[in-house]
Amino acid sequence: MPNPHDFASMTALICFEAAARNMSFKAAAQEMNVTPAAISHQIKALEQNLGCALFIRRHRGVELTEKGAFLLVALQRGFETISDAVSRLRDRPDAVDVTIRTTTAVSALWLTPKITAFWKIHPGITVSQIISDVATAASRHDLHIGYAVPGDDGDEWREIFRDRILAYGTPHFAREHGIRGIKDLLRAPLVHMNDDHNAWTGWADWFRELGHPPPSGRSLFVNNHMIALQAAEDDVGAVLGWEGLMARVLQAGRLVSLVPESIPSPAAFSLRINPRASAKARLFADWLAAG
C-alpha cells in the first residue's frame, strides 16, 4: 500500500500550479480567493515535501526553477486528464458555456487576460480552458487556439494574429555575450524549441530568412515555450518570441529585444471552431477574433 507521506497534498499542488502559471503568489491568491501568505505556506510545504526548491524568490516576483517548470508541465497534463474524465462523466455537459483549448504559453501570455476582459463584458458566460502542450483528439472543446496553418478538416478557422518573430534575452545576457548585432547571436547560447506537436519556427529558420547560416553556439532544447522563456530569463540563452505574446513579459522588464532584425511569422495563431460549438462559444470566438 502506498505511503500517504509520499504524496503532496492536492491543495498544495493546485496552489503551486496557479502561482507558476501566473508567475505570482499574489495573482494566484486573487485567483483562488485566499491570501498570498496562504499560497506561500502551501508552496513552502510542497517544497519541503519534495525536497527541492520550485521557485526562485526575487524582490520583484518569483521565477520557476528547472524542477518547478518540470512539475508545472506534469501537473497541467494531469489536470487535463482529470478535466477530460470529468467532462465525460458529468450529467450536465452544458455547465460550462465555452471550453477553449490552447497551449501553456498562449494561455499564460495572451488568452487568460482576454478571458478576464470578456467576462467583465459578459458576466453570464462561463469560459473554461483546457491547457495542454500535447496534441490529442480526446478532449472535448468548442474552440482551439494554436500556431498553425488552417486545415481543410471541416472546422471553421479564424486568424487571431500573425506577427513578427524576434530574438529576446536579458540585458545581462546581452552584455555578457557582447550582443551588438545579429552576427553575435550566431555564436551565442540559444534556447531551442523542440516539439513534434507544434510547428514552432526555430532558430535555423529565423537565421535563414535573414540570410545567415545556422547558429553554432551552445544549445538548450526544451519542448515548452514557457520553459524556453524561463530559461532565457535565467540567462541560459537567447530565445525566439512572437511579438503578440511578449507584451506582458516585456512590460515586466524581464526580457528585451536583443537585435532589431525580425521575420514575419510564417504561420498565424489561429482559432478553430468546432462545428458543434454553441451560440455562446461563437460569440466568444467573434469577440476574440475582433480584438
C-alpha atoms as a PDB file:
ATOM      1  CA  MET A   1       0.000   0.000   0.000  1.00  0.00           C
ATOM      2  CA  PRO A   2       1.460   3.430  -0.941  1.00  0.00           C
ATOM      3  CA  ASN A   3       2.686   5.577   1.909  1.00  0.00           C
ATOM      4  CA  PRO A   4       0.467   8.696   2.109  1.00  0.00           C
ATOM      5  CA  HIS A   5       3.509  10.744   3.072  1.00  0.00           C
ATOM      6  CA  ASP A   6       4.931  10.083  -0.392  1.00  0.00           C
ATOM      7  CA  PHE A   7       2.246  12.241  -1.934  1.00  0.00           C
ATOM      8  CA  ALA A   8       1.961  16.040  -1.853  1.00  0.00           C
ATOM      9  CA  SER A   9      -1.442  17.454  -0.883  1.00  0.00           C
ATOM     10  CA  MET A  10      -3.754  18.342  -3.745  1.00  0.00           C
ATOM     11  CA  THR A  11      -4.273  21.803  -2.221  1.00  0.00           C
ATOM     12  CA  ALA A  12      -0.539  22.499  -2.330  1.00  0.00           C
ATOM     13  CA  LEU A  13      -0.287  21.280  -5.927  1.00  0.00           C
ATOM     14  CA  ILE A  14      -3.216  23.448  -7.021  1.00  0.00           C
ATOM     15  CA  CYS A  15      -1.683  26.472  -5.283  1.00  0.00           C
ATOM     16  CA  PHE A  16       1.652  25.755  -6.961  1.00  0.00           C
ATOM     17  CA  GLU A  17       0.042  25.426 -10.424  1.00  0.00           C
ATOM     18  CA  ALA A  18      -1.769  28.751 -10.032  1.00  0.00           C
ATOM     19  CA  ALA A  19       1.367  30.533  -8.790  1.00  0.00           C
ATOM     20  CA  ALA A  20       3.543  29.008 -11.524  1.00  0.00           C
ATOM     21  CA  ARG A  21       1.054  29.787 -14.292  1.00  0.00           C
ATOM     22  CA  ASN A  22       0.689  33.393 -13.124  1.00  0.00           C
ATOM     23  CA  MET A  23       4.348  33.754 -12.052  1.00  0.00           C
ATOM     24  CA  SER A  24       2.980  35.489  -8.974  1.00  0.00           C
ATOM     25  CA  PHE A  25       1.873  34.406  -5.495  1.00  0.00           C
ATOM     26  CA  LYS A  26      -0.362  37.496  -5.317  1.00  0.00           C
ATOM     27  CA  ALA A  27      -2.140  36.731  -8.603  1.00  0.00           C
ATOM     28  CA  ALA A  28      -2.583  33.099  -7.554  1.00  0.00           C
ATOM     29  CA  ALA A  29      -4.094  34.249  -4.266  1.00  0.00           C
ATOM     30  CA  GLN A  30      -6.554  36.505  -6.077  1.00  0.00           C
ATOM     31  CA  GLU A  31      -7.494  33.683  -8.436  1.00  0.00           C
ATOM     32  CA  MET A  32      -8.092  31.263  -5.552  1.00  0.00           C
ATOM     33  CA  ASN A  33      -9.652  33.856  -3.220  1.00  0.00           C
ATOM     34  CA  VAL A  34      -7.111  33.326  -0.432  1.00  0.00           C
ATOM     35  CA  THR A  35      -4.251  35.411   0.972  1.00  0.00           C
ATOM     36  CA  PRO A  36      -0.761  35.469  -0.582  1.00  0.00           C
ATOM     37  CA  ALA A  37       0.519  34.157   2.762  1.00  0.00           C
ATOM     38  CA  ALA A  38      -1.686  31.074   2.375  1.00  0.00           C
ATOM     39  CA  ILE A  39      -0.262  30.432  -1.099  1.00  0.00           C
ATOM     40  CA  SER A  40       3.284  30.881   0.205  1.00  0.00           C
ATOM     41  CA  HIS A  41       2.614  28.493   3.098  1.00  0.00           C
ATOM     42  CA  GLN A  42       1.278  25.775   0.780  1.00  0.00           C
ATOM     43  CA  ILE A  43       4.212  26.094  -1.615  1.00  0.00           C
ATOM     44  CA  LYS A  44       6.789  26.003   1.189  1.00  0.00           C
ATOM     45  CA  ALA A  45       5.146  22.830   2.492  1.00  0.00           C
ATOM     46  CA  LEU A  46       5.246  21.354  -1.022  1.00  0.00           C
ATOM     47  CA  GLU A  47       8.939  22.211  -1.418  1.00  0.00           C
ATOM     48  CA  GLN A  48       9.704  20.584   1.942  1.00  0.00           C
ATOM     49  CA  ASN A  49       7.700  17.517   0.898  1.00  0.00           C
ATOM     50  CA  LEU A  50       9.595  17.210  -2.405  1.00  0.00           C
ATOM     51  CA  GLY A  51      12.964  18.208  -1.000  1.00  0.00           C
ATOM     52  CA  CYS A  52      13.690  20.798  -3.666  1.00  0.00           C
ATOM     53  CA  ALA A  53      13.071  24.451  -4.489  1.00  0.00           C
ATOM     54  CA  LEU A  54      10.300  25.097  -7.022  1.00  0.00           C
ATOM     55  CA  PHE A  55      10.642  28.880  -7.174  1.00  0.00           C
ATOM     56  CA  ILE A  56      13.420  31.427  -7.049  1.00  0.00           C
ATOM     57  CA  ARG A  57      12.147  34.272  -4.844  1.00  0.00           C
ATOM     58  CA  ARG A  58      13.229  37.658  -6.143  1.00  0.00           C
ATOM     59  CA  HIS A  59      12.456  41.183  -4.949  1.00  0.00           C
ATOM     60  CA  ARG A  60      10.106  41.877  -7.888  1.00  0.00           C
ATOM     61  CA  GLY A  61       8.478  38.462  -8.069  1.00  0.00           C
ATOM     62  CA  VAL A  62       9.174  34.762  -8.445  1.00  0.00           C
ATOM     63  CA  GLU A  63      10.675  32.564 -11.146  1.00  0.00           C
ATOM     64  CA  LEU A  64      10.404  28.831 -11.691  1.00  0.00           C
ATOM     65  CA  THR A  65      13.402  26.621 -11.113  1.00  0.00           C
ATOM     66  CA  GLU A  66      14.063  23.843 -13.620  1.00  0.00           C
ATOM     67  CA  LYS A  67      12.329  21.353 -11.299  1.00  0.00           C
ATOM     68  CA  GLY A  68       9.444  23.769 -10.821  1.00  0.00           C
ATOM     69  CA  ALA A  69       8.975  24.063 -14.590  1.00  0.00           C
ATOM     70  CA  PHE A  70       9.031  20.274 -14.892  1.00  0.00           C
ATOM     71  CA  LEU A  71       6.360  19.939 -12.213  1.00  0.00           C
ATOM     72  CA  LEU A  72       4.180  22.627 -13.838  1.00  0.00           C
ATOM     73  CA  VAL A  73       4.087  20.785 -17.160  1.00  0.00           C
ATOM     74  CA  ALA A  74       3.361  17.461 -15.430  1.00  0.00           C
ATOM     75  CA  LEU A  75       0.559  18.968 -13.362  1.00  0.00           C
ATOM     76  CA  GLN A  76      -1.100  20.662 -16.314  1.00  0.00           C
ATOM     77  CA  ARG A  77      -1.085  17.400 -18.240  1.00  0.00           C
ATOM     78  CA  GLY A  78      -2.581  15.667 -15.227  1.00  0.00           C
ATOM     79  CA  PHE A  79      -5.248  18.339 -14.759  1.00  0.00           C
ATOM     80  CA  GLU A  80      -6.114  17.996 -18.444  1.00  0.00           C
ATOM     81  CA  THR A  81      -6.687  14.259 -17.991  1.00  0.00           C
ATOM     82  CA  ILE A  82      -8.879  14.912 -14.969  1.00  0.00           C
ATOM     83  CA  SER A  83     -10.807  17.572 -16.874  1.00  0.00           C
ATOM     84  CA  ASP A  84     -11.459  15.182 -19.748  1.00  0.00           C
ATOM     85  CA  ALA A  85     -12.680  12.468 -17.361  1.00  0.00           C
ATOM     86  CA  VAL A  86     -14.997  14.862 -15.536  1.00  0.00           C
ATOM     87  CA  SER A  87     -16.399  16.121 -18.850  1.00  0.00           C
ATOM     88  CA  ARG A  88     -17.253  12.564 -19.856  1.00  0.00           C
ATOM     89  CA  LEU A  89     -18.890  11.733 -16.521  1.00  0.00           C
ATOM     90  CA  ARG A  90     -20.753  14.963 -15.917  1.00  0.00           C
ATOM     91  CA  ASP A  91     -24.535  14.685 -16.150  1.00  0.00           C
ATOM     92  CA  ARG A  92     -24.795  18.312 -17.261  1.00  0.00           C
ATOM     93  CA  PRO A  93     -22.248  18.856 -20.045  1.00  0.00           C
ATOM     94  CA  ASP A  94     -23.554  22.397 -20.530  1.00  0.00           C
ATOM     95  CA  ALA A  95     -22.448  23.571 -17.046  1.00  0.00           C
ATOM     96  CA  VAL A  96     -19.633  25.486 -18.790  1.00  0.00           C
ATOM     97  CA  ASP A  97     -20.765  27.665 -21.672  1.00  0.00           C
ATOM     98  CA  VAL A  98     -17.483  27.757 -23.608  1.00  0.00           C
ATOM     99  CA  THR A  99     -14.480  25.407 -23.481  1.00  0.00           C
ATOM    100  CA  ILE A 100     -11.319  26.537 -25.235  1.00  0.00           C
ATOM    101  CA  ARG A 101      -8.121  24.526 -25.668  1.00  0.00           C
ATOM    102  CA  THR A 102      -4.689  26.064 -26.083  1.00  0.00           C
ATOM    103  CA  THR A 103      -1.030  25.782 -25.091  1.00  0.00           C
ATOM    104  CA  THR A 104       0.549  26.857 -21.813  1.00  0.00           C
ATOM    105  CA  ALA A 105       2.250  29.851 -23.442  1.00  0.00           C
ATOM    106  CA  VAL A 106      -0.833  31.159 -25.247  1.00  0.00           C
ATOM    107  CA  SER A 107      -2.906  30.759 -22.089  1.00  0.00           C
ATOM    108  CA  ALA A 108      -0.465  32.474 -19.740  1.00  0.00           C
ATOM    109  CA  LEU A 109       0.769  35.207 -22.066  1.00  0.00           C
ATOM    110  CA  TRP A 110      -2.353  36.100 -24.047  1.00  0.00           C
ATOM    111  CA  LEU A 111      -5.611  34.193 -23.525  1.00  0.00           C
ATOM    112  CA  THR A 112      -6.183  34.397 -19.762  1.00  0.00           C
ATOM    113  CA  PRO A 113      -6.208  38.230 -19.692  1.00  0.00           C
ATOM    114  CA  LYS A 114      -8.553  38.144 -22.702  1.00  0.00           C
ATOM    115  CA  ILE A 115     -10.972  35.842 -20.863  1.00  0.00           C
ATOM    116  CA  THR A 116     -10.931  38.187 -17.869  1.00  0.00           C
ATOM    117  CA  ALA A 117     -11.790  41.140 -20.112  1.00  0.00           C
ATOM    118  CA  PHE A 118     -14.558  39.146 -21.832  1.00  0.00           C
ATOM    119  CA  TRP A 119     -16.071  38.101 -18.508  1.00  0.00           C
ATOM    120  CA  LYS A 120     -16.360  41.763 -17.442  1.00  0.00           C
ATOM    121  CA  ILE A 121     -18.461  42.435 -20.562  1.00  0.00           C
ATOM    122  CA  HIS A 122     -20.401  39.134 -20.498  1.00  0.00           C
ATOM    123  CA  PRO A 123     -20.501  38.042 -16.817  1.00  0.00           C
ATOM    124  CA  GLY A 124     -23.189  35.463 -17.555  1.00  0.00           C
ATOM    125  CA  ILE A 125     -20.989  33.401 -19.897  1.00  0.00           C
ATOM    126  CA  THR A 126     -18.517  30.990 -18.296  1.00  0.00           C
ATOM    127  CA  VAL A 127     -15.334  30.159 -20.196  1.00  0.00           C
ATOM    128  CA  SER A 128     -13.190  27.149 -19.266  1.00  0.00           C
ATOM    129  CA  GLN A 129      -9.665  26.452 -20.525  1.00  0.00           C
ATOM    130  CA  ILE A 130      -8.044  23.119 -21.361  1.00  0.00           C
ATOM    131  CA  ILE A 131      -4.317  23.866 -21.247  1.00  0.00           C
ATOM    132  CA  SER A 132      -2.005  21.364 -22.895  1.00  0.00           C
ATOM    133  CA  ASP A 133       1.150  21.283 -24.979  1.00  0.00           C
ATOM    134  CA  VAL A 134       0.408  17.748 -26.182  1.00  0.00           C
ATOM    135  CA  ALA A 135      -1.739  17.223 -29.274  1.00  0.00           C
ATOM    136  CA  THR A 136      -4.694  14.923 -28.643  1.00  0.00           C
ATOM    137  CA  ALA A 137      -8.166  14.476 -30.055  1.00  0.00           C
ATOM    138  CA  ALA A 138      -9.574  13.113 -26.785  1.00  0.00           C
ATOM    139  CA  SER A 139     -10.629  16.334 -25.076  1.00  0.00           C
ATOM    140  CA  ARG A 140     -13.985  17.982 -25.642  1.00  0.00           C
ATOM    141  CA  HIS A 141     -13.740  21.654 -26.568  1.00  0.00           C
ATOM    142  CA  ASP A 142     -15.645  24.260 -28.569  1.00  0.00           C
ATOM    143  CA  LEU A 143     -12.635  26.306 -29.627  1.00  0.00           C
ATOM    144  CA  HIS A 144      -8.921  25.711 -30.112  1.00  0.00           C
ATOM    145  CA  ILE A 145      -6.112  28.242 -30.469  1.00  0.00           C
ATOM    146  CA  GLY A 146      -2.839  27.075 -31.956  1.00  0.00           C
ATOM    147  CA  TYR A 147       0.151  28.151 -34.012  1.00  0.00           C
ATOM    148  CA  ALA A 148      -0.937  26.558 -37.240  1.00  0.00           C
ATOM    149  CA  VAL A 149      -1.940  26.891 -40.860  1.00  0.00           C
ATOM    150  CA  PRO A 150      -5.726  26.388 -41.114  1.00  0.00           C
ATOM    151  CA  GLY A 151      -6.556  22.932 -42.409  1.00  0.00           C
ATOM    152  CA  ASP A 152      -9.310  21.523 -44.589  1.00  0.00           C
ATOM    153  CA  ASP A 153     -10.865  19.476 -41.778  1.00  0.00           C
ATOM    154  CA  GLY A 154     -14.458  20.687 -41.832  1.00  0.00           C
ATOM    155  CA  ASP A 155     -13.933  23.078 -38.925  1.00  0.00           C
ATOM    156  CA  GLU A 156     -14.187  26.849 -39.195  1.00  0.00           C
ATOM    157  CA  TRP A 157     -10.876  28.709 -38.770  1.00  0.00           C
ATOM    158  CA  ARG A 158     -10.163  32.335 -37.921  1.00  0.00           C
ATOM    159  CA  GLU A 159      -6.798  34.042 -37.781  1.00  0.00           C
ATOM    160  CA  ILE A 160      -6.216  35.671 -34.379  1.00  0.00           C
ATOM    161  CA  PHE A 161      -2.877  37.340 -35.061  1.00  0.00           C
ATOM    162  CA  ARG A 162       0.143  36.934 -37.306  1.00  0.00           C
ATOM    163  CA  ASP A 163       3.090  38.971 -36.148  1.00  0.00           C
ATOM    164  CA  ARG A 164       6.868  39.241 -36.123  1.00  0.00           C
ATOM    165  CA  ILE A 165       9.350  36.847 -34.533  1.00  0.00           C
ATOM    166  CA  LEU A 166      12.236  38.483 -32.676  1.00  0.00           C
ATOM    167  CA  ALA A 167      15.220  37.414 -30.572  1.00  0.00           C
ATOM    168  CA  TYR A 168      14.880  38.088 -26.838  1.00  0.00           C
ATOM    169  CA  GLY A 169      17.152  37.833 -23.833  1.00  0.00           C
ATOM    170  CA  THR A 170      18.025  39.646 -20.637  1.00  0.00           C
ATOM    171  CA  PRO A 171      20.134  42.841 -20.634  1.00  0.00           C
ATOM    172  CA  HIS A 172      22.729  40.900 -18.605  1.00  0.00           C
ATOM    173  CA  PHE A 173      22.871  38.184 -21.273  1.00  0.00           C
ATOM    174  CA  ALA A 174      23.386  40.828 -23.985  1.00  0.00           C
ATOM    175  CA  ARG A 175      26.289  42.383 -22.055  1.00  0.00           C
ATOM    176  CA  GLU A 176      27.861  39.041 -21.084  1.00  0.00           C
ATOM    177  CA  HIS A 177      27.916  37.732 -24.660  1.00  0.00           C
ATOM    178  CA  GLY A 178      28.552  41.043 -26.423  1.00  0.00           C
ATOM    179  CA  ILE A 179      25.319  41.024 -28.438  1.00  0.00           C
ATOM    180  CA  ARG A 180      25.593  44.130 -30.614  1.00  0.00           C
ATOM    181  CA  GLY A 181      24.233  42.702 -33.844  1.00  0.00           C
ATOM    182  CA  ILE A 182      22.693  39.613 -35.389  1.00  0.00           C
ATOM    183  CA  LYS A 183      26.080  38.022 -36.180  1.00  0.00           C
ATOM    184  CA  ASP A 184      26.873  37.954 -32.455  1.00  0.00           C
ATOM    185  CA  LEU A 185      23.809  35.758 -31.915  1.00  0.00           C
ATOM    186  CA  LEU A 186      25.199  33.123 -34.279  1.00  0.00           C
ATOM    187  CA  ARG A 187      27.844  32.236 -31.679  1.00  0.00           C
ATOM    188  CA  ALA A 188      25.808  32.896 -28.527  1.00  0.00           C
ATOM    189  CA  PRO A 189      23.963  30.277 -26.419  1.00  0.00           C
ATOM    190  CA  LEU A 190      20.423  29.767 -27.727  1.00  0.00           C
ATOM    191  CA  VAL A 191      17.285  28.139 -26.346  1.00  0.00           C
ATOM    192  CA  HIS A 192      15.593  25.963 -28.989  1.00  0.00           C
ATOM    193  CA  MET A 193      12.013  24.732 -29.112  1.00  0.00           C
ATOM    194  CA  ASN A 194      11.950  21.021 -29.886  1.00  0.00           C
ATOM    195  CA  ASP A 195       8.301  19.943 -30.158  1.00  0.00           C
ATOM    196  CA  ASP A 196       6.827  17.377 -32.531  1.00  0.00           C
ATOM    197  CA  HIS A 197       3.275  18.617 -31.869  1.00  0.00           C
ATOM    198  CA  ASN A 198       3.666  22.340 -32.677  1.00  0.00           C
ATOM    199  CA  ALA A 199       5.375  23.700 -35.766  1.00  0.00           C
ATOM    200  CA  TRP A 200       7.276  26.406 -33.885  1.00  0.00           C
ATOM    201  CA  THR A 201       9.617  28.461 -36.049  1.00  0.00           C
ATOM    202  CA  GLY A 202      13.174  27.670 -34.953  1.00  0.00           C
ATOM    203  CA  TRP A 203      16.493  29.479 -34.864  1.00  0.00           C
ATOM    204  CA  ALA A 204      17.767  27.878 -38.082  1.00  0.00           C
ATOM    205  CA  ASP A 205      14.609  29.074 -39.882  1.00  0.00           C
ATOM    206  CA  TRP A 206      14.961  32.545 -38.380  1.00  0.00           C
ATOM    207  CA  PHE A 207      18.605  32.991 -39.386  1.00  0.00           C
ATOM    208  CA  ARG A 208      17.955  31.541 -42.860  1.00  0.00           C
ATOM    209  CA  GLU A 209      15.157  34.029 -43.524  1.00  0.00           C
ATOM    210  CA  LEU A 210      17.564  36.822 -42.602  1.00  0.00           C
ATOM    211  CA  GLY A 211      20.295  35.497 -44.913  1.00  0.00           C
ATOM    212  CA  HIS A 212      22.586  33.888 -42.331  1.00  0.00           C
ATOM    213  CA  PRO A 213      23.911  30.335 -41.756  1.00  0.00           C
ATOM    214  CA  PRO A 214      22.647  28.138 -38.920  1.00  0.00           C
ATOM    215  CA  PRO A 215      23.868  29.113 -35.430  1.00  0.00           C
ATOM    216  CA  SER A 216      26.966  27.451 -33.976  1.00  0.00           C
ATOM    217  CA  GLY A 217      26.736  28.368 -30.276  1.00  0.00           C
ATOM    218  CA  ARG A 218      25.741  26.233 -27.301  1.00  0.00           C
ATOM    219  CA  SER A 219      22.139  24.960 -27.480  1.00  0.00           C
ATOM    220  CA  LEU A 220      19.476  24.088 -24.941  1.00  0.00           C
ATOM    221  CA  PHE A 221      16.455  22.170 -26.249  1.00  0.00           C
ATOM    222  CA  VAL A 222      13.072  22.310 -24.500  1.00  0.00           C
ATOM    223  CA  ASN A 223       9.562  21.317 -25.590  1.00  0.00           C
ATOM    224  CA  ASN A 224       7.581  24.049 -23.845  1.00  0.00           C
ATOM    225  CA  HIS A 225       7.589  27.726 -24.786  1.00  0.00           C
ATOM    226  CA  MET A 226       7.086  28.913 -21.199  1.00  0.00           C
ATOM    227  CA  ILE A 227      10.119  26.900 -20.103  1.00  0.00           C
ATOM    228  CA  ALA A 228      12.062  28.397 -23.033  1.00  0.00           C
ATOM    229  CA  LEU A 229      11.180  31.901 -21.848  1.00  0.00           C
ATOM    230  CA  GLN A 230      12.092  30.981 -18.262  1.00  0.00           C
ATOM    231  CA  ALA A 231      15.468  29.674 -19.432  1.00  0.00           C
ATOM    232  CA  ALA A 232      16.092  32.965 -21.241  1.00  0.00           C
ATOM    233  CA  GLU A 233      15.166  34.891 -18.077  1.00  0.00           C
ATOM    234  CA  ASP A 234      17.739  32.769 -16.219  1.00  0.00           C
ATOM    235  CA  ASP A 235      20.403  33.842 -18.773  1.00  0.00           C
ATOM    236  CA  VAL A 236      20.734  30.328 -20.200  1.00  0.00           C
ATOM    237  CA  GLY A 237      20.416  31.659 -23.752  1.00  0.00           C
ATOM    238  CA  ALA A 238      18.514  33.860 -26.165  1.00  0.00           C
ATOM    239  CA  VAL A 239      15.006  32.795 -27.179  1.00  0.00           C
ATOM    240  CA  LEU A 240      12.708  33.459 -30.110  1.00  0.00           C
ATOM    241  CA  GLY A 241       9.415  35.117 -29.258  1.00  0.00           C
ATOM    242  CA  TRP A 242       6.234  36.082 -31.043  1.00  0.00           C
ATOM    243  CA  GLU A 243       5.606  39.799 -30.635  1.00  0.00           C
ATOM    244  CA  GLY A 244       1.899  39.269 -29.949  1.00  0.00           C
ATOM    245  CA  LEU A 245       2.690  37.022 -26.970  1.00  0.00           C
ATOM    246  CA  MET A 246       5.539  39.035 -25.458  1.00  0.00           C
ATOM    247  CA  ALA A 247       3.826  42.259 -24.316  1.00  0.00           C
ATOM    248  CA  ARG A 248       3.395  41.269 -20.645  1.00  0.00           C
ATOM    249  CA  VAL A 249       6.923  39.804 -20.427  1.00  0.00           C
ATOM    250  CA  LEU A 250       8.457  42.966 -21.893  1.00  0.00           C
ATOM    251  CA  GLN A 251       6.376  45.224 -19.651  1.00  0.00           C
ATOM    252  CA  ALA A 252       7.730  43.343 -16.636  1.00  0.00           C
ATOM    253  CA  GLY A 253      11.260  44.106 -17.841  1.00  0.00           C
ATOM    254  CA  ARG A 254      12.414  40.506 -17.613  1.00  0.00           C
ATOM    255  CA  LEU A 255      13.399  40.218 -21.276  1.00  0.00           C
ATOM    256  CA  VAL A 256      14.292  42.721 -24.009  1.00  0.00           C
ATOM    257  CA  SER A 257      14.645  42.556 -27.780  1.00  0.00           C
ATOM    258  CA  LEU A 258      18.314  41.821 -28.469  1.00  0.00           C
ATOM    259  CA  VAL A 259      18.600  42.955 -32.106  1.00  0.00           C
ATOM    260  CA  PRO A 260      16.283  44.971 -34.400  1.00  0.00           C
ATOM    261  CA  GLU A 261      16.004  42.220 -37.041  1.00  0.00           C
ATOM    262  CA  SER A 262      12.835  40.136 -37.193  1.00  0.00           C
ATOM    263  CA  ILE A 263      10.954  37.876 -39.590  1.00  0.00           C
ATOM    264  CA  PRO A 264       7.226  37.708 -40.295  1.00  0.00           C
ATOM    265  CA  SER A 265       5.577  34.725 -38.657  1.00  0.00           C
ATOM    266  CA  PRO A 266       5.099  32.036 -41.355  1.00  0.00           C
ATOM    267  CA  ALA A 267       2.046  30.674 -39.538  1.00  0.00           C
ATOM    268  CA  ALA A 268      -0.629  32.504 -37.597  1.00  0.00           C
ATOM    269  CA  PHE A 269      -2.097  31.922 -34.180  1.00  0.00           C
ATOM    270  CA  SER A 270      -5.441  30.666 -35.406  1.00  0.00           C
ATOM    271  CA  LEU A 271      -8.770  29.913 -33.766  1.00  0.00           C
ATOM    272  CA  ARG A 272     -10.524  26.693 -34.790  1.00  0.00           C
ATOM    273  CA  ILE A 273     -14.255  26.472 -34.128  1.00  0.00           C
ATOM    274  CA  ASN A 274     -15.900  23.104 -33.596  1.00  0.00           C
ATOM    275  CA  PRO A 275     -18.927  22.681 -35.914  1.00  0.00           C
ATOM    276  CA  ARG A 276     -20.993  21.813 -32.816  1.00  0.00           C
ATOM    277  CA  ALA A 277     -19.955  24.974 -30.964  1.00  0.00           C
ATOM    278  CA  SER A 278     -22.820  26.763 -29.235  1.00  0.00           C
ATOM    279  CA  ALA A 279     -24.010  30.297 -29.903  1.00  0.00           C
ATOM    280  CA  LYS A 280     -22.178  31.469 -26.752  1.00  0.00           C
ATOM    281  CA  ALA A 281     -18.955  29.841 -27.954  1.00  0.00           C
ATOM    282  CA  ARG A 282     -19.320  31.592 -31.302  1.00  0.00           C
ATOM    283  CA  LEU A 283     -19.950  34.903 -29.534  1.00  0.00           C
ATOM    284  CA  PHE A 284     -16.695  34.445 -27.635  1.00  0.00           C
ATOM    285  CA  ALA A 285     -14.896  33.434 -30.854  1.00  0.00           C
ATOM    286  CA  ASP A 286     -16.165  36.565 -32.628  1.00  0.00           C
ATOM    287  CA  TRP A 287     -15.020  38.707 -29.705  1.00  0.00           C
ATOM    288  CA  LEU A 288     -11.541  37.141 -29.698  1.00  0.00           C
ATOM    289  CA  ALA A 289     -11.121  37.488 -33.476  1.00  0.00           C
ATOM    290  CA  ALA A 290     -12.217  41.121 -33.383  1.00  0.00           C
ATOM    291  CA  GLY A 291      -9.836  42.023 -30.551  1.00  0.00           C
END
